[in-house]
Protein backbone atom coordinates (compact mmCIF):
# COMPACT_ATOMS: atom_id res chain seq x y z
CA UNK A 1 56.90 -17.73 -65.91
CA UNK A 2 54.50 -20.87 -64.61
CA UNK A 3 55.78 -19.92 -60.72
CA UNK A 4 54.54 -16.31 -61.55
CA UNK A 5 51.35 -16.98 -63.23
CA UNK A 6 50.58 -20.01 -59.60
CA UNK A 7 51.85 -16.90 -56.91
CA UNK A 8 48.91 -14.72 -59.25
CA UNK A 9 46.57 -17.04 -59.04
CA UNK A 10 47.02 -17.93 -55.25
CA UNK A 11 46.85 -14.13 -54.33
CA UNK A 12 43.65 -13.48 -56.32
CA UNK A 13 41.57 -16.64 -54.64
CA UNK A 14 42.84 -15.01 -50.87
CA UNK A 15 41.49 -11.83 -51.81
CA UNK A 16 38.48 -13.27 -52.84
CA UNK A 17 37.86 -15.19 -49.63
CA UNK A 18 38.97 -12.12 -47.69
CA UNK A 19 36.55 -10.04 -49.08
CA UNK A 20 33.80 -12.85 -49.20
CA UNK A 21 34.43 -13.05 -45.23
CA UNK A 22 34.31 -8.94 -44.96
CA UNK A 23 30.92 -9.10 -46.87
CA UNK A 24 29.44 -11.74 -44.65
CA UNK A 25 30.63 -9.95 -41.29
CA UNK A 26 29.98 -6.53 -42.01
CA UNK A 27 25.80 -6.96 -43.45
CA UNK A 28 23.34 -7.03 -40.99
CA UNK A 29 22.46 -6.33 -37.34
CA UNK A 30 25.22 -8.13 -34.70
CA UNK A 31 24.05 -11.06 -32.92
CA UNK A 32 22.95 -8.99 -29.76
CA UNK A 33 20.83 -6.83 -31.44
CA UNK A 34 18.79 -9.68 -33.16
CA UNK A 35 15.89 -10.73 -31.71
CA UNK A 36 15.78 -14.31 -30.32
CA UNK A 37 19.33 -13.38 -28.81
CA UNK A 38 20.83 -13.46 -25.29
CA UNK A 39 21.69 -9.88 -24.85
CA UNK A 40 19.07 -6.46 -24.68
CA UNK A 41 15.88 -8.06 -24.19
CA UNK A 42 13.04 -6.81 -26.85
CA UNK A 43 10.20 -4.01 -25.41
CA UNK A 44 7.55 -5.52 -24.01
CA UNK A 45 3.81 -3.86 -24.70
CA UNK A 46 2.34 -2.16 -21.52
CA UNK A 47 -0.82 -3.83 -20.24
CA UNK A 48 -3.52 -1.64 -18.86
CA UNK A 49 -5.61 -3.10 -15.56
CA UNK A 50 -9.16 -2.05 -15.25
CA UNK A 51 -10.57 -1.85 -11.55
CA UNK A 52 -14.24 -2.61 -11.54
CA UNK A 53 -15.99 -1.57 -8.30
CA UNK A 54 -17.11 -4.76 -6.50
CA UNK A 55 -20.65 -4.93 -6.02
CA UNK A 56 -22.24 -3.63 -1.87
CA UNK A 57 -23.90 -6.44 -0.38
CA UNK A 58 -27.64 -5.09 0.82
CA UNK A 59 -29.46 -7.47 3.51
CA UNK A 60 -32.82 -5.83 2.47
CA UNK A 61 -32.15 -5.42 -1.24
CA UNK A 62 -35.32 -7.45 -1.21
CA UNK A 63 -37.35 -5.24 0.54
CA UNK A 64 -37.36 -7.31 3.94
CA UNK A 65 -35.19 -10.19 5.52
CA UNK A 66 -35.60 -12.36 8.57
CA UNK A 67 -32.98 -13.54 11.45
CA UNK A 68 -33.05 -16.55 13.59
CA UNK A 69 -30.96 -15.08 16.86
CA UNK A 70 -30.15 -17.32 20.18
CA UNK A 71 -29.18 -16.02 23.54
CA UNK A 72 -28.95 -18.63 26.05
CA UNK A 73 -32.73 -20.40 26.45
CA UNK A 74 -33.90 -17.94 24.75
CA UNK A 75 -34.60 -17.62 20.73
CA UNK A 76 -35.77 -15.11 18.81
CA UNK A 77 -37.29 -14.85 15.39
CA UNK A 78 -36.82 -11.06 14.04
CA UNK A 79 -38.16 -9.44 11.07
CA UNK A 80 -36.81 -6.40 9.24
CA UNK A 81 -37.58 -4.13 6.65
CA UNK A 82 -38.00 -0.46 5.62
CA UNK A 83 -40.85 1.73 4.41
CA UNK A 84 -38.55 3.33 2.21
CA UNK A 85 -37.43 1.85 -1.13
CA UNK A 86 -33.77 1.18 -1.35
CA UNK A 87 -33.10 3.48 -4.60
CA UNK A 88 -34.49 6.21 -2.17
CA UNK A 89 -31.88 5.27 0.62
CA UNK A 90 -29.43 8.41 -0.21
CA UNK A 91 -27.24 9.88 2.37
CA UNK A 92 -29.09 12.61 3.04
CA UNK A 93 -32.80 10.69 3.57
CA UNK A 94 -33.98 9.87 6.58
CA UNK A 95 -34.01 6.05 6.27
CA UNK A 96 -36.63 4.41 8.68
CA UNK A 97 -35.41 0.77 9.72
CA UNK A 98 -38.27 -1.38 10.55
CA UNK A 99 -38.39 -4.43 13.03
CA UNK A 100 -40.77 -7.12 14.69
CA UNK A 101 -40.02 -9.90 17.21
CA UNK A 102 -41.02 -13.16 18.50
CA UNK A 103 -39.73 -15.41 20.86
CA UNK A 104 -39.69 -18.50 22.58
CA UNK A 105 -37.78 -20.34 25.72
CA UNK A 106 -36.18 -23.21 26.15
CA UNK A 107 -37.31 -25.45 28.29
CA UNK A 108 -40.44 -23.66 28.52
CA UNK A 109 -41.98 -24.35 31.72
CA UNK A 110 -44.01 -21.65 31.90
CA UNK A 111 -42.12 -18.63 32.49
CA UNK A 112 -42.32 -15.65 30.60
CA UNK A 113 -39.23 -13.50 28.38
CA UNK A 114 -39.30 -9.74 28.44
CA UNK A 115 -37.33 -7.39 26.03
CA UNK A 116 -35.91 -4.68 28.64
CA UNK A 117 -33.86 -2.65 25.91
CA UNK A 118 -33.31 -2.64 21.81
CA UNK A 119 -30.35 -0.88 20.72
CA UNK A 120 -29.48 0.58 17.02
CA UNK A 121 -26.52 1.70 15.66
CA UNK A 122 -25.42 3.09 12.08
CA UNK A 123 -22.40 3.14 11.27
CA UNK A 124 -21.60 4.13 7.58
CA UNK A 125 -18.46 3.29 5.12
CA UNK A 126 -17.38 2.46 1.95
CA UNK A 127 -14.85 -0.20 0.56
CA UNK A 128 -11.97 1.86 2.35
CA UNK A 129 -12.95 3.31 5.25
CA UNK A 130 -15.14 3.42 8.39
CA UNK A 131 -17.14 6.49 9.24
CA UNK A 132 -18.08 7.60 12.96
CA UNK A 133 -20.98 5.56 13.81
CA UNK A 134 -24.49 8.06 14.11
CA UNK A 135 -25.83 8.24 17.82
CA UNK A 136 -27.21 5.24 19.15
CA UNK A 137 -31.02 4.79 19.32
CA UNK A 138 -32.48 2.68 22.55
CA UNK A 139 -35.87 1.55 23.16
CA UNK A 140 -35.89 1.46 27.01
CA UNK A 141 -38.36 0.18 29.54
CA UNK A 142 -39.33 -0.27 32.77
CA UNK A 143 -38.29 -3.49 34.13
CA UNK A 144 -39.22 -6.57 33.58
CA UNK A 145 -39.70 -4.43 29.98
CA UNK A 146 -41.87 -5.85 27.24
CA UNK A 147 -43.37 -9.14 26.95
CA UNK A 148 -42.19 -11.11 23.63
CA UNK A 149 -43.16 -14.59 24.54
CA UNK A 150 -45.07 -16.04 21.84
CA UNK A 151 -47.99 -15.32 20.94
CA UNK A 152 -46.84 -11.77 21.98
CA UNK A 153 -44.67 -9.28 19.94
CA UNK A 154 -42.47 -6.17 19.95
CA UNK A 155 -42.50 -3.57 17.04
CA UNK A 156 -40.64 -0.74 16.68
CA UNK A 157 -38.86 1.57 13.77
CA UNK A 158 -35.74 3.11 14.29
CA UNK A 159 -33.84 5.88 11.83
CA UNK A 160 -30.50 6.18 9.97
CA UNK A 161 -29.63 9.39 9.58
CA UNK A 162 -27.37 11.74 7.76
CA UNK A 163 -24.49 10.06 6.28
CA UNK A 164 -21.21 11.03 4.58
CA UNK A 165 -22.06 11.91 0.81
CA UNK A 166 -19.19 9.17 -0.13
CA UNK A 167 -20.52 6.44 1.96
CA UNK A 168 -21.58 3.88 0.06
CA UNK A 169 -23.34 1.46 2.92
CA UNK A 170 -24.21 1.39 6.06
CA UNK A 171 -24.15 -1.25 8.86
CA UNK A 172 -26.47 -1.46 11.11
CA UNK A 173 -25.93 -2.89 14.93
CA UNK A 174 -28.37 -4.39 16.86
CA UNK A 175 -28.46 -5.48 20.22
CA UNK A 176 -31.00 -7.24 22.40
CA UNK A 177 -31.29 -7.34 26.03
CA UNK A 178 -34.37 -9.63 27.23
CA UNK A 179 -35.19 -10.75 31.07
CA UNK A 180 -35.90 -14.34 31.42
CA UNK A 181 -38.12 -15.62 34.54
CA UNK A 182 -35.97 -18.30 36.28
CA UNK A 183 -39.42 -19.88 37.57
CA UNK A 184 -43.12 -19.49 36.10
CA UNK A 185 -44.03 -17.62 39.71
CA UNK A 186 -40.04 -15.56 40.94
CA UNK A 187 -39.78 -11.96 40.63
CA UNK A 188 -36.06 -13.40 39.72
CA UNK A 189 -34.89 -12.90 36.39
CA UNK A 190 -32.16 -13.99 34.20
CA UNK A 191 -30.71 -11.25 31.75
CA UNK A 192 -29.80 -12.66 28.16
CA UNK A 193 -28.55 -10.68 25.42
CA UNK A 194 -28.82 -11.02 21.32
CA UNK A 195 -26.87 -9.25 18.48
CA UNK A 196 -27.64 -9.05 14.80
CA UNK A 197 -25.97 -7.14 12.07
CA UNK A 198 -27.23 -5.86 8.86
CA UNK A 199 -25.80 -4.25 5.76
CA UNK A 200 -27.76 -1.77 3.75
CA UNK A 201 -26.42 -0.28 0.35
CA UNK A 202 -26.32 3.78 0.29
CA UNK A 203 -28.16 4.75 -3.08
CA UNK A 204 -26.25 7.53 -5.13
CA UNK A 205 -23.34 7.11 -2.52
CA UNK A 206 -19.43 7.06 -3.86
CA UNK A 207 -20.29 5.26 -6.91
CA UNK A 208 -21.55 1.84 -5.39
CA UNK A 209 -23.14 -1.03 -7.21
CA UNK A 210 -25.66 -2.38 -5.32
CA UNK A 211 -26.09 -6.42 -4.59
CA UNK A 212 -28.65 -8.66 -3.47
């Protein structure tokens, strides 16, 4: 009788332990489905990036700019400006570009400096592409050219015509060709060439943001 009771208690204890183990393993999510464990990672939030248009460089944002150029013995000071306000530099407008130039020569032994030809080529563009250049404009005179040695100066106006509607700027490429006397009384000349580039924003072209 005592042996039977002990066997019954042992069976009952084993059954209770088994039930407890079953309850622990049956409740809750499996380890691989819980956060922080190894296995399938939890979903990450989606990040949306917004592209902000970059400001367009504008060398005439203040109304004018001055450049100092060097071509061999010739030093040229060039002032650029436009009589058309920058907010009216639209794709379809006729956009004037004015320039004034004076030169010096080093060493100055009395020889003269002449500007034989001035050329401007306008190339429209935007952040992703360059368009075909507009027709080059030149001012050229008979040799030896325009006397530009200080105190004499040279002035000219070029015009930028219609550009594509999605152009946000126009690059102005200038070339200046000088003839310098080899001696103060000589009819022989040395040729020197200087170049310069301006970038001007197009108002209302694409979605440009002008910058100084």
